[in-house]
Amino acid sequence: MTTSPNAQLRSRLGGRLGNRLGNRLGNRLGNQRGAASAEYAAVTAAGCGFAGVLIKLFTSDFGQSLLKMLVEFFLKMVGIG
């Protein structure tokens, strides 16, 4: 069973000080529910946007020549090409 940061702080400090600080921390963190889900959604959307830019780049003539140049460079570097 997990305990909230509020309860953990109260148990560490004990007494009135622990209750005061724990309540303040609980009030500040209480509105954070769903924040992780929103962050995951934002990162996923940014990743999809970046993937779209990469697809557009690598399917263009410039992207094709860039990829060809990079592959030839690495093949020469390892001694195959």
Protein backbone atom coordinates (compact mmCIF):
# COMPACT_ATOMS: atom_id res chain seq x y z
CA MET A 1 0.00 0.00 0.00
CA THR A 2 1.42 3.39 -0.96
CA THR A 3 1.05 6.44 1.18
CA SER A 4 0.72 9.99 -0.03
CA PRO A 5 3.61 12.47 0.29
CA ASN A 6 1.36 14.32 2.72
CA ALA A 7 1.17 11.34 5.08
CA GLN A 8 4.85 10.53 4.69
CA LEU A 9 5.87 14.06 5.69
CA ARG A 10 3.56 14.00 8.71
CA SER A 11 4.97 10.68 9.89
CA ARG A 12 8.57 11.87 9.52
CA LEU A 13 8.13 15.16 11.30
CA GLY A 14 5.42 14.23 13.76
CA GLY A 15 3.34 16.55 15.93
CA ARG A 16 1.84 19.88 14.95
CA LEU A 17 4.70 20.83 12.62
CA GLY A 18 4.26 17.64 10.64
CA ASN A 19 0.51 18.19 10.39
CA ARG A 20 0.90 21.79 9.24
CA LEU A 21 3.55 21.03 6.65
CA GLY A 22 1.81 17.87 5.55
CA ASN A 23 -1.48 19.70 5.04
CA ARG A 24 0.22 22.45 3.04
CA LEU A 25 2.03 19.90 0.91
CA GLY A 26 -1.19 17.97 0.43
CA ASN A 27 -3.00 21.11 -0.68
CA ARG A 28 -0.29 21.93 -3.20
CA LEU A 29 0.01 18.42 -4.57
CA GLY A 30 -3.69 17.65 -4.46
CA ASN A 31 -4.33 19.39 -7.77
CA GLN A 32 -1.62 17.39 -9.57
CA ARG A 33 -3.82 14.40 -10.33
CA GLY A 34 -3.71 13.60 -14.02
CA ALA A 35 -0.59 15.69 -14.58
CA ALA A 36 1.44 12.64 -15.58
CA SER A 37 -1.20 11.64 -18.13
CA ALA A 38 -1.17 15.15 -19.59
CA GLU A 39 2.63 15.07 -19.80
CA TYR A 40 2.54 11.71 -21.58
CA ALA A 41 -0.04 13.06 -24.01
CA ALA A 42 2.07 16.16 -24.73
CA VAL A 43 5.23 14.10 -25.29
CA THR A 44 3.35 11.65 -27.52
CA ALA A 45 1.94 14.51 -29.60
CA ALA A 46 5.40 16.09 -29.90
CA GLY A 47 6.88 12.73 -30.93
CA CYS A 48 4.23 12.27 -33.61
CA GLY A 49 4.88 15.76 -34.93
CA PHE A 50 8.64 15.13 -35.04
CA ALA A 51 8.06 11.81 -36.82
CA GLY A 52 5.93 13.60 -39.41
CA VAL A 53 8.71 16.12 -40.05
CA LEU A 54 11.27 13.31 -40.42
CA ILE A 55 9.05 11.40 -42.85
CA LYS A 56 8.54 14.52 -44.94
CA LEU A 57 12.29 15.24 -44.89
CA PHE A 58 13.46 11.75 -45.79
CA THR A 59 10.93 11.28 -48.58
CA SER A 60 12.06 14.50 -50.29
CA ASP A 61 14.84 14.61 -52.88
CA PHE A 62 17.10 16.43 -50.43
CA GLY A 63 16.46 13.81 -47.74
CA GLN A 64 17.16 10.95 -50.14
CA SER A 65 20.49 12.47 -51.21
CA LEU A 66 21.36 13.17 -47.56
CA LEU A 67 20.68 9.56 -46.57
CA LYS A 68 22.66 8.26 -49.55
CA MET A 69 25.60 10.51 -48.67
CA LEU A 70 25.54 9.39 -45.01
CA VAL A 71 25.42 5.69 -45.88
CA GLU A 72 28.28 6.05 -48.37
CA PHE A 73 30.33 7.98 -45.79
CA PHE A 74 29.88 5.31 -43.11
CA LEU A 75 30.60 2.49 -45.54
CA LYS A 76 33.85 4.22 -46.54
CA MET A 77 34.67 4.82 -42.89
CA VAL A 78 34.42 1.13 -42.03
CA GLY A 79 36.24 0.13 -45.23
CA ILE A 80 33.41 -1.57 -47.10
CA GLY A 81 32.54 1.00 -49.75
